[in-house]
Amino acid sequence: MANWDNLEETTTTRKKRVWKPISGLEWPGDSALDLALKKLHNQDFDRKALLHRLVYIAKLGSELNDKRDLGTYYDKQFRQWQNQYQGEGVTGMLLVYPNHYVHLVESSQEVLTALIRDLAEMGERDDAMITDSKILVISGNISARLFGQWNSRVLNLPASRLELYETNESIESLVPECLTQMLKLGMYLARQPKLSLKSVMDSLHEKVPEFLIEQDLIGYLLQSVDLASPKQYLGLYDRPFDVVLDSELVWPLATKTFPLS
């Protein structure tokens, strides 16, 4: 005959071996959701940051005595922002005209946002290197870089007067033309041998003047109200995204959202 006392004792012992008591919030094992979240977390370390491109124009301030100081300033700022955010490297081109400059920057969203905030702060100071700036475009998640590294050049051009520039074209047509010129300039520099790249960049206004945005056009675009300033861009960027549904404005709240079948 079976010994029911021993069977009951064996079953109880077996249950104690399988089911361990839970203490506090400690679970016996990882669920399928926990394993999936851990897998995604581990993949984040191998995932590359998205690359973005910013193109903007600005007017030089009267306090800037040496135009080469502008390139030195941004070279220092980019090093600082890269150490702070640990994202994508910075590539692009800074072209300094007699009274304006054009800046194309390729980097992470954090670095570009820090650059725009710096522009907004300098635009409010009387002793800043720039007095006004406008954003031409911000391209998100670009597939490849246009420039291999970041460089700055002071263009040896005679100063031009803004009132000489006249056009019947709209801002929607002028801005793409400016961006096309910058893209063609990047493609032209990418085809140059590395040994002669420095000499080519020092004489851009002589070799490829068709790839340089006219300085009169830059001044014209700076006066446009259709282009956003850094301050206006940050006002939209920092605004909380909050959608209020129509049903939330009705009191009392509806109890039956869907009809009963």
Protein backbone atom coordinates (compact mmCIF):
# COMPACT_ATOMS: atom_id res chain seq x y z
CA MET A 1 0.00 0.00 0.00
CA ALA A 2 1.13 3.51 -0.76
CA ASN A 3 2.23 5.62 2.13
CA TRP A 4 0.09 8.79 1.70
CA ASP A 5 2.00 10.58 4.45
CA ASN A 6 5.29 10.14 2.63
CA LEU A 7 3.64 11.10 -0.71
CA GLU A 8 2.24 14.29 0.79
CA GLU A 9 5.61 15.12 2.30
CA THR A 10 7.40 14.46 -1.01
CA THR A 11 4.95 16.68 -2.91
CA THR A 12 5.36 19.48 -0.41
CA THR A 13 9.14 19.19 -0.60
CA ARG A 14 9.00 19.19 -4.41
CA LYS A 15 6.86 22.34 -4.42
CA LYS A 16 9.30 24.11 -2.15
CA ARG A 17 12.13 23.31 -4.57
CA VAL A 18 10.26 24.65 -7.61
CA TRP A 19 8.55 27.75 -6.22
CA LYS A 20 10.88 29.99 -4.31
CA PRO A 21 9.42 32.63 -2.02
CA ILE A 22 9.38 36.21 -3.34
CA SER A 23 11.04 38.76 -1.10
CA GLY A 24 10.23 42.43 -1.73
CA LEU A 25 10.21 43.29 -5.45
CA GLU A 26 12.68 40.61 -6.52
CA TRP A 27 11.22 38.34 -9.21
CA PRO A 28 12.20 34.71 -9.65
CA GLY A 29 13.33 35.31 -13.28
CA ASP A 30 13.22 37.58 -16.32
CA SER A 31 10.07 37.66 -18.39
CA ALA A 32 9.98 37.83 -22.19
CA LEU A 33 9.46 41.60 -21.96
CA ASP A 34 12.52 41.99 -19.73
CA LEU A 35 14.67 40.05 -22.18
CA ALA A 36 13.42 42.14 -25.11
CA LEU A 37 14.14 45.39 -23.27
CA LYS A 38 17.63 44.22 -22.37
CA LYS A 39 18.29 43.35 -26.01
CA LEU A 40 17.22 46.82 -27.14
CA HIS A 41 19.32 48.41 -24.42
CA ASN A 42 22.41 46.52 -25.53
CA GLN A 43 21.79 47.51 -29.15
CA ASP A 44 21.74 51.20 -28.19
CA PHE A 45 25.49 51.09 -27.53
CA ASP A 46 26.13 49.98 -31.12
CA ARG A 47 23.59 52.30 -32.69
CA LYS A 48 25.05 55.36 -34.45
CA ALA A 49 23.71 58.81 -33.72
CA LEU A 50 21.70 60.42 -36.51
CA LEU A 51 23.49 62.95 -38.68
CA HIS A 52 21.96 66.35 -39.40
CA ARG A 53 22.93 69.35 -41.53
CA LEU A 54 22.45 73.05 -40.79
CA VAL A 55 22.96 75.92 -43.22
CA TYR A 56 22.61 79.50 -42.01
CA ILE A 57 23.78 83.00 -42.89
CA ALA A 58 24.79 85.85 -40.61
CA LYS A 59 26.00 89.44 -40.62
CA LEU A 60 29.35 90.26 -39.09
CA GLY A 61 29.46 92.68 -36.18
CA SER A 62 31.59 95.79 -36.03
CA GLU A 63 33.49 94.38 -33.04
CA LEU A 64 35.10 91.68 -35.20
CA ASN A 65 38.45 93.16 -36.19
CA ASP A 66 40.09 90.04 -37.61
CA LYS A 67 37.72 87.82 -39.61
CA ARG A 68 39.92 84.81 -38.94
CA ASP A 69 38.85 85.02 -35.29
CA LEU A 70 35.43 83.74 -36.31
CA GLY A 71 36.90 80.45 -37.54
CA THR A 72 39.01 80.16 -34.39
CA TYR A 73 35.95 80.75 -32.24
CA TYR A 74 33.87 78.02 -33.89
CA ASP A 75 36.75 75.57 -33.91
CA LYS A 76 36.97 75.98 -30.14
CA GLN A 77 33.21 75.75 -29.67
CA PHE A 78 32.91 72.58 -31.73
CA ARG A 79 35.59 70.88 -29.66
CA GLN A 80 33.76 71.85 -26.48
CA TRP A 81 30.36 70.68 -27.72
CA GLN A 82 31.77 67.39 -28.98
CA ASN A 83 33.30 66.66 -25.60
CA GLN A 84 30.02 67.55 -23.94
CA TYR A 85 27.63 65.50 -26.09
CA GLN A 86 29.90 62.68 -27.37
CA GLY A 87 28.03 62.38 -30.65
CA GLU A 88 28.84 62.69 -34.30
CA GLY A 89 31.89 64.64 -35.38
CA VAL A 90 31.60 68.08 -36.93
CA THR A 91 32.22 68.65 -40.64
CA GLY A 92 31.30 71.53 -42.91
CA MET A 93 32.46 74.85 -44.31
CA LEU A 94 32.55 78.40 -42.99
CA LEU A 95 32.85 81.06 -45.71
CA VAL A 96 33.53 84.56 -44.40
CA TYR A 97 32.65 87.48 -46.67
CA PRO A 98 33.57 91.13 -46.07
CA ASN A 99 30.30 91.81 -44.21
CA HIS A 100 28.59 88.42 -43.90
CA TYR A 101 29.30 84.71 -43.64
CA VAL A 102 27.74 81.42 -44.72
CA HIS A 103 28.07 78.38 -42.48
CA LEU A 104 27.26 74.76 -43.31
CA VAL A 105 27.59 72.33 -40.39
CA GLU A 106 27.11 68.55 -40.31
CA SER A 107 26.84 66.95 -36.89
CA SER A 108 24.41 65.57 -34.32
CA GLN A 109 21.17 67.24 -33.29
CA GLU A 110 22.65 68.21 -29.92
CA VAL A 111 25.60 70.04 -31.44
CA LEU A 112 23.45 71.88 -33.98
CA THR A 113 21.00 72.93 -31.26
CA ALA A 114 23.88 74.22 -29.13
CA LEU A 115 25.12 76.19 -32.13
CA ILE A 116 21.69 77.75 -32.71
CA ARG A 117 21.41 78.69 -29.03
CA ASP A 118 24.82 80.33 -29.23
CA LEU A 119 23.68 82.32 -32.27
CA ALA A 120 20.56 83.47 -30.44
CA GLU A 121 22.62 84.64 -27.46
CA MET A 122 25.13 86.51 -29.62
CA GLY A 123 22.32 88.21 -31.52
CA GLU A 124 21.17 89.87 -28.30
CA ARG A 125 24.61 91.24 -27.35
CA ASP A 126 25.95 94.55 -28.59
CA ASP A 127 29.59 93.42 -28.52
CA ALA A 128 29.06 90.10 -30.33
CA MET A 129 30.82 89.00 -33.50
CA ILE A 130 27.51 88.84 -35.36
CA THR A 131 24.48 91.10 -35.32
CA ASP A 132 21.89 89.12 -37.27
CA SER A 133 21.43 85.58 -38.57
CA LYS A 134 18.87 83.52 -40.49
CA ILE A 135 18.47 79.77 -40.85
CA LEU A 136 18.24 78.57 -44.45
CA VAL A 137 17.63 74.88 -43.81
CA ILE A 138 17.97 72.10 -41.25
CA SER A 139 18.15 68.65 -42.85
CA GLY A 140 17.56 65.72 -40.53
CA ASN A 141 18.97 62.20 -40.79
CA ILE A 142 21.09 62.80 -43.88
CA SER A 143 22.53 59.69 -45.49
CA ALA A 144 26.13 60.88 -45.94
CA ARG A 145 28.41 63.79 -45.19
CA LEU A 146 29.11 66.38 -47.84
CA PHE A 147 32.43 67.53 -46.35
CA GLY A 148 35.22 65.37 -45.00
CA GLN A 149 36.19 67.83 -42.26
CA TRP A 150 35.33 71.28 -40.95
CA ASN A 151 37.17 74.21 -42.51
CA SER A 152 36.89 77.98 -42.56
CA ARG A 153 38.07 80.42 -45.20
CA VAL A 154 38.05 84.21 -45.47
CA LEU A 155 37.12 85.18 -49.01
CA ASN A 156 39.19 87.97 -50.49
CA LEU A 157 36.31 89.86 -52.08
CA PRO A 158 35.55 93.57 -52.32
CA ALA A 159 32.71 94.78 -50.15
CA SER A 160 29.44 95.21 -52.00
CA ARG A 161 26.44 97.42 -51.34
CA LEU A 162 23.10 95.81 -50.53
CA GLU A 163 20.98 98.29 -52.45
CA LEU A 164 22.50 97.06 -55.74
CA TYR A 165 20.75 93.69 -55.44
CA GLU A 166 17.33 93.50 -57.05
CA THR A 167 15.30 90.42 -57.86
CA ASN A 168 11.78 89.37 -58.68
CA GLU A 169 12.28 85.83 -57.41
CA SER A 170 10.63 84.66 -54.22
CA ILE A 171 12.42 83.42 -51.11
CA GLU A 172 11.17 79.91 -51.96
CA SER A 173 13.25 80.06 -55.13
CA LEU A 174 16.30 81.90 -53.83
CA VAL A 175 17.01 79.65 -50.85
CA PRO A 176 17.20 76.39 -52.89
CA GLU A 177 19.57 78.12 -55.29
CA CYS A 178 21.86 79.03 -52.40
CA LEU A 179 21.74 75.51 -51.02
CA THR A 180 22.51 74.07 -54.45
CA GLN A 181 25.62 76.24 -54.66
CA MET A 182 26.84 74.98 -51.29
CA LEU A 183 26.20 71.37 -52.29
CA LYS A 184 28.09 71.84 -55.54
CA LEU A 185 30.96 73.41 -53.63
CA GLY A 186 31.14 70.37 -51.34
CA MET A 187 31.12 67.98 -54.29
CA TYR A 188 33.84 70.02 -56.00
CA LEU A 189 36.10 69.94 -52.95
CA ALA A 190 35.50 66.20 -52.50
CA ARG A 191 37.00 65.57 -55.95
CA GLN A 192 40.18 67.50 -55.24
CA PRO A 193 43.40 65.67 -54.29
CA LYS A 194 44.33 66.02 -50.64
CA LEU A 195 47.73 67.50 -51.46
CA SER A 196 46.21 70.42 -53.37
CA LEU A 197 43.06 70.86 -51.29
CA LYS A 198 44.47 73.67 -49.16
CA SER A 199 45.55 75.75 -52.16
CA VAL A 200 42.17 75.20 -53.82
CA MET A 201 40.29 76.37 -50.73
CA ASP A 202 42.47 79.47 -50.46
CA SER A 203 41.39 80.58 -53.95
CA LEU A 204 37.74 79.58 -54.14
CA HIS A 205 36.67 83.02 -55.29
CA GLU A 206 39.01 82.71 -58.30
CA LYS A 207 38.52 79.07 -59.30
CA VAL A 208 34.83 78.43 -58.60
CA PRO A 209 33.03 81.77 -58.12
CA GLU A 210 29.83 80.18 -59.46
CA PHE A 211 29.70 77.96 -56.35
CA LEU A 212 29.80 80.92 -53.95
CA ILE A 213 26.62 82.67 -52.83
CA GLU A 214 26.56 86.32 -53.82
CA GLN A 215 27.19 88.55 -50.84
CA ASP A 216 24.43 90.93 -51.97
CA LEU A 217 22.02 88.00 -51.93
CA ILE A 218 23.11 87.10 -48.39
CA GLY A 219 22.28 90.61 -47.23
CA TYR A 220 18.96 90.44 -49.03
CA LEU A 221 18.02 87.16 -47.36
CA LEU A 222 18.95 88.50 -43.94
CA GLN A 223 16.22 91.11 -44.29
CA SER A 224 13.56 88.55 -45.21
CA VAL A 225 10.77 87.94 -42.72
CA ASP A 226 10.06 84.54 -44.27
CA LEU A 227 13.27 83.02 -42.87
CA ALA A 228 13.45 82.06 -39.22
CA SER A 229 16.02 83.57 -36.90
CA PRO A 230 17.70 81.36 -34.26
CA LYS A 231 15.46 82.87 -31.59
CA GLN A 232 12.31 82.10 -33.58
CA TYR A 233 13.50 78.55 -34.26
CA LEU A 234 14.20 77.91 -30.58
CA GLY A 235 10.78 79.28 -29.69
CA LEU A 236 9.23 76.48 -31.74
CA TYR A 237 11.82 73.87 -30.75
CA ASP A 238 11.39 74.41 -27.00
CA ARG A 239 7.61 74.71 -27.10
CA PRO A 240 5.99 71.69 -25.40
CA PHE A 241 3.97 69.50 -27.71
CA ASP A 242 0.56 69.32 -26.07
CA VAL A 243 -2.59 68.42 -27.96
CA VAL A 244 -5.97 69.16 -26.37
CA LEU A 245 -8.76 66.99 -27.70
CA ASP A 246 -12.23 68.43 -28.23
CA SER A 247 -13.67 65.82 -25.88
CA GLU A 248 -11.48 67.16 -23.07
CA LEU A 249 -13.17 70.57 -23.32
CA VAL A 250 -16.66 69.14 -22.65
CA TRP A 251 -18.03 68.66 -19.15
CA PRO A 252 -19.25 66.25 -17.99
CA LEU A 253 -17.07 63.75 -19.79
CA ALA A 254 -18.76 61.32 -22.11
CA THR A 255 -19.31 57.91 -20.55
CA LYS A 256 -20.03 56.01 -23.78
CA THR A 257 -17.27 56.54 -26.31
CA PHE A 258 -18.38 53.84 -28.76
CA PRO A 259 -21.95 52.78 -29.64
CA LEU A 260 -23.11 49.50 -28.29
CA SER A 261 -23.80 46.83 -30.90
